[in-house]
Amino acid sequence: MLQDVRIIRYYQRMTDTLIDYWHKGYRTDELRLYIEGYITSMRHSGAAESYLVNKLEQEVLRFLHDSSNFAVTQTEVETDYY
């Protein structure tokens, strides 16, 4: 579980972007490349402590592998029966 406020914000940005890219047609392999690039840039820039970046990576990959995060919700149409 993420507890650092900055890391939670990074997590939110990444997961929001993953959902956005999914709706634009990107698929799992491409999303994984996005995650790897983002995490690598965090490691090289020193944006956060290494152990926090590792936790972030684990959580984002868990999000990516949970198919319910990318399911399209179906709206139900209410019909009136007379």
N, C-alpha and C. Protein backbone atom coordinates (compact mmCIF):
# COMPACT_ATOMS: atom_id res chain seq x y z
N MET A 1 0.84 -1.17 0.00
CA MET A 1 0.00 0.00 0.00
C MET A 1 0.89 1.24 0.00
N LEU A 2 0.52 2.18 -0.84
CA LEU A 2 1.28 3.42 -0.93
C LEU A 2 0.82 4.38 0.16
N GLN A 3 1.79 5.03 0.80
CA GLN A 3 1.45 5.96 1.87
C GLN A 3 2.05 7.34 1.69
N ASP A 4 3.08 7.45 0.87
CA ASP A 4 3.71 8.74 0.62
C ASP A 4 2.83 9.56 -0.33
N VAL A 5 2.54 10.81 0.02
CA VAL A 5 1.63 11.64 -0.75
C VAL A 5 2.13 11.84 -2.17
N ARG A 6 3.40 12.12 -2.35
CA ARG A 6 3.94 12.32 -3.70
C ARG A 6 3.80 11.07 -4.55
N ILE A 7 4.08 9.92 -3.96
CA ILE A 7 4.01 8.66 -4.70
C ILE A 7 2.55 8.34 -5.06
N ILE A 8 1.63 8.66 -4.18
CA ILE A 8 0.21 8.46 -4.48
C ILE A 8 -0.20 9.33 -5.67
N ARG A 9 0.30 10.55 -5.72
CA ARG A 9 0.00 11.42 -6.87
C ARG A 9 0.58 10.86 -8.16
N TYR A 10 1.80 10.34 -8.10
CA TYR A 10 2.39 9.69 -9.28
C TYR A 10 1.54 8.50 -9.70
N TYR A 11 1.08 7.72 -8.73
CA TYR A 11 0.24 6.56 -9.01
C TYR A 11 -1.05 7.00 -9.71
N GLN A 12 -1.68 8.04 -9.21
CA GLN A 12 -2.92 8.53 -9.81
C GLN A 12 -2.69 9.02 -11.23
N ARG A 13 -1.60 9.74 -11.45
CA ARG A 13 -1.29 10.22 -12.79
C ARG A 13 -1.07 9.06 -13.74
N MET A 14 -0.31 8.08 -13.28
CA MET A 14 0.00 6.94 -14.14
C MET A 14 -1.24 6.12 -14.46
N THR A 15 -2.05 5.82 -13.47
CA THR A 15 -3.23 5.00 -13.72
C THR A 15 -4.26 5.75 -14.56
N ASP A 16 -4.41 7.05 -14.35
CA ASP A 16 -5.31 7.83 -15.19
C ASP A 16 -4.83 7.81 -16.65
N THR A 17 -3.54 7.93 -16.84
CA THR A 17 -2.98 7.90 -18.18
C THR A 17 -3.13 6.52 -18.81
N LEU A 18 -2.96 5.47 -18.03
CA LEU A 18 -3.14 4.11 -18.55
C LEU A 18 -4.57 3.92 -19.07
N ILE A 19 -5.54 4.38 -18.30
CA ILE A 19 -6.95 4.27 -18.72
C ILE A 19 -7.18 5.09 -19.99
N ASP A 20 -6.64 6.29 -20.02
CA ASP A 20 -6.79 7.15 -21.20
C ASP A 20 -6.18 6.49 -22.43
N TYR A 21 -4.96 5.97 -22.29
CA TYR A 21 -4.31 5.31 -23.41
C TYR A 21 -5.07 4.06 -23.84
N TRP A 22 -5.65 3.34 -22.90
CA TRP A 22 -6.44 2.14 -23.23
C TRP A 22 -7.63 2.52 -24.12
N HIS A 23 -8.29 3.61 -23.76
CA HIS A 23 -9.45 4.05 -24.54
C HIS A 23 -9.03 4.60 -25.91
N LYS A 24 -7.79 5.01 -26.03
CA LYS A 24 -7.28 5.48 -27.32
C LYS A 24 -6.80 4.33 -28.21
N GLY A 25 -6.81 3.11 -27.67
CA GLY A 25 -6.47 1.96 -28.50
C GLY A 25 -5.15 1.30 -28.17
N TYR A 26 -4.40 1.82 -27.23
CA TYR A 26 -3.16 1.18 -26.82
C TYR A 26 -3.49 -0.10 -26.06
N ARG A 27 -2.64 -1.09 -26.15
CA ARG A 27 -2.89 -2.36 -25.46
C ARG A 27 -1.80 -2.64 -24.44
N THR A 28 -1.90 -3.78 -23.78
CA THR A 28 -1.10 -4.10 -22.60
C THR A 28 0.39 -3.93 -22.82
N ASP A 29 0.93 -4.44 -23.91
CA ASP A 29 2.37 -4.33 -24.15
C ASP A 29 2.81 -2.88 -24.25
N GLU A 30 2.01 -2.07 -24.92
CA GLU A 30 2.36 -0.66 -25.06
C GLU A 30 2.22 0.08 -23.72
N LEU A 31 1.23 -0.30 -22.95
CA LEU A 31 1.06 0.32 -21.63
C LEU A 31 2.21 -0.06 -20.71
N ARG A 32 2.69 -1.29 -20.82
CA ARG A 32 3.82 -1.72 -20.02
C ARG A 32 5.07 -0.91 -20.39
N LEU A 33 5.24 -0.61 -21.67
CA LEU A 33 6.38 0.22 -22.09
C LEU A 33 6.27 1.63 -21.50
N TYR A 34 5.06 2.16 -21.45
CA TYR A 34 4.84 3.47 -20.83
C TYR A 34 5.26 3.44 -19.36
N ILE A 35 4.84 2.38 -18.65
CA ILE A 35 5.18 2.25 -17.23
C ILE A 35 6.68 2.16 -17.05
N GLU A 36 7.33 1.33 -17.85
CA GLU A 36 8.78 1.16 -17.74
C GLU A 36 9.51 2.48 -17.97
N GLY A 37 9.06 3.25 -18.97
CA GLY A 37 9.69 4.53 -19.25
C GLY A 37 9.49 5.53 -18.12
N TYR A 38 8.30 5.57 -17.57
CA TYR A 38 7.98 6.49 -16.48
C TYR A 38 8.81 6.15 -15.24
N ILE A 39 8.84 4.87 -14.90
CA ILE A 39 9.59 4.43 -13.71
C ILE A 39 11.08 4.66 -13.90
N THR A 40 11.58 4.37 -15.09
CA THR A 40 13.00 4.59 -15.36
C THR A 40 13.36 6.06 -15.24
N SER A 41 12.51 6.93 -15.74
CA SER A 41 12.80 8.36 -15.63
C SER A 41 12.76 8.82 -14.17
N MET A 42 11.88 8.22 -13.37
CA MET A 42 11.85 8.56 -11.95
C MET A 42 13.14 8.12 -11.26
N ARG A 43 13.62 6.95 -11.62
CA ARG A 43 14.86 6.44 -11.00
C ARG A 43 16.06 7.32 -11.37
N HIS A 44 16.13 7.72 -12.64
CA HIS A 44 17.28 8.52 -13.08
C HIS A 44 17.22 9.96 -12.59
N SER A 45 16.03 10.48 -12.39
CA SER A 45 15.91 11.87 -11.95
C SER A 45 16.00 12.01 -10.43
N GLY A 46 15.87 10.89 -9.72
CA GLY A 46 15.89 10.97 -8.27
C GLY A 46 14.63 11.62 -7.71
N ALA A 47 13.51 11.44 -8.40
CA ALA A 47 12.25 12.05 -7.99
C ALA A 47 11.78 11.56 -6.64
N ALA A 48 12.18 10.35 -6.27
CA ALA A 48 11.77 9.78 -4.99
C ALA A 48 12.79 8.72 -4.59
N GLU A 49 12.71 8.30 -3.36
CA GLU A 49 13.60 7.24 -2.87
C GLU A 49 13.36 5.96 -3.66
N SER A 50 14.42 5.18 -3.82
CA SER A 50 14.34 3.96 -4.63
C SER A 50 13.27 3.00 -4.15
N TYR A 51 13.16 2.82 -2.83
CA TYR A 51 12.18 1.87 -2.33
C TYR A 51 10.76 2.34 -2.61
N LEU A 52 10.52 3.66 -2.64
CA LEU A 52 9.20 4.18 -2.97
C LEU A 52 8.89 3.99 -4.45
N VAL A 53 9.90 4.18 -5.29
CA VAL A 53 9.71 3.96 -6.72
C VAL A 53 9.42 2.48 -6.98
N ASN A 54 10.08 1.60 -6.26
CA ASN A 54 9.82 0.16 -6.41
C ASN A 54 8.39 -0.18 -6.00
N LYS A 55 7.92 0.39 -4.90
CA LYS A 55 6.53 0.17 -4.47
C LYS A 55 5.55 0.69 -5.51
N LEU A 56 5.85 1.88 -6.04
CA LEU A 56 5.00 2.46 -7.07
C LEU A 56 4.92 1.54 -8.29
N GLU A 57 6.04 1.04 -8.70
CA GLU A 57 6.08 0.15 -9.86
C GLU A 57 5.24 -1.10 -9.60
N GLN A 58 5.36 -1.69 -8.44
CA GLN A 58 4.58 -2.88 -8.11
C GLN A 58 3.09 -2.59 -8.14
N GLU A 59 2.69 -1.47 -7.57
CA GLU A 59 1.26 -1.13 -7.52
C GLU A 59 0.70 -0.83 -8.91
N VAL A 60 1.46 -0.13 -9.73
CA VAL A 60 0.98 0.21 -11.07
C VAL A 60 0.89 -1.06 -11.92
N LEU A 61 1.85 -1.96 -11.78
CA LEU A 61 1.77 -3.22 -12.52
C LEU A 61 0.59 -4.06 -12.04
N ARG A 62 0.30 -4.03 -10.77
CA ARG A 62 -0.88 -4.72 -10.24
C ARG A 62 -2.15 -4.12 -10.85
N PHE A 63 -2.19 -2.80 -10.96
CA PHE A 63 -3.32 -2.12 -11.59
C PHE A 63 -3.46 -2.56 -13.04
N LEU A 64 -2.34 -2.64 -13.76
CA LEU A 64 -2.36 -3.01 -15.16
C LEU A 64 -2.87 -4.43 -15.36
N HIS A 65 -2.50 -5.34 -14.48
CA HIS A 65 -2.89 -6.74 -14.63
C HIS A 65 -4.31 -7.04 -14.15
N ASP A 66 -4.95 -6.09 -13.50
CA ASP A 66 -6.34 -6.27 -13.06
C ASP A 66 -7.26 -5.84 -14.19
N SER A 67 -7.84 -6.81 -14.86
CA SER A 67 -8.66 -6.53 -16.05
C SER A 67 -9.90 -5.70 -15.73
N SER A 68 -10.36 -5.72 -14.51
CA SER A 68 -11.55 -4.94 -14.18
C SER A 68 -11.30 -3.44 -14.29
N ASN A 69 -10.06 -3.01 -14.24
CA ASN A 69 -9.75 -1.59 -14.39
C ASN A 69 -9.95 -1.09 -15.81
N PHE A 70 -9.98 -2.02 -16.77
CA PHE A 70 -10.09 -1.64 -18.17
C PHE A 70 -11.40 -2.10 -18.79
N ALA A 71 -12.32 -2.59 -17.97
CA ALA A 71 -13.61 -3.05 -18.47
C ALA A 71 -14.48 -1.85 -18.83
N VAL A 72 -15.18 -1.98 -19.92
CA VAL A 72 -16.08 -0.92 -20.35
C VAL A 72 -17.41 -1.14 -19.65
N THR A 73 -17.85 -0.12 -18.97
CA THR A 73 -19.11 -0.24 -18.24
C THR A 73 -20.27 -0.10 -19.21
N GLN A 74 -21.26 -0.94 -19.03
CA GLN A 74 -22.46 -0.90 -19.86
C GLN A 74 -23.56 -0.20 -19.07
N THR A 75 -24.14 0.81 -19.67
CA THR A 75 -25.23 1.49 -19.01
C THR A 75 -26.52 0.75 -19.30
N GLU A 76 -27.37 0.68 -18.30
CA GLU A 76 -28.65 0.02 -18.47
C GLU A 76 -29.70 1.05 -18.85
N VAL A 77 -30.47 0.69 -19.83
CA VAL A 77 -31.53 1.58 -20.29
C VAL A 77 -32.80 1.20 -19.55
N GLU A 78 -33.40 2.20 -18.94
CA GLU A 78 -34.63 1.95 -18.21
C GLU A 78 -35.81 2.05 -19.16
N THR A 79 -36.61 1.01 -19.18
CA THR A 79 -37.77 1.02 -20.06
C THR A 79 -39.03 1.03 -19.23
N ASP A 80 -40.02 1.72 -19.72
CA ASP A 80 -41.32 1.77 -19.04
C ASP A 80 -42.22 0.71 -19.64
N TYR A 81 -42.77 -0.12 -18.80
CA TYR A 81 -43.71 -1.14 -19.25
C TYR A 81 -45.13 -0.71 -18.84
N TYR A 82 -46.02 -0.75 -19.78
CA TYR A 82 -47.41 -0.35 -19.52
C TYR A 82 -48.29 -1.54 -19.38
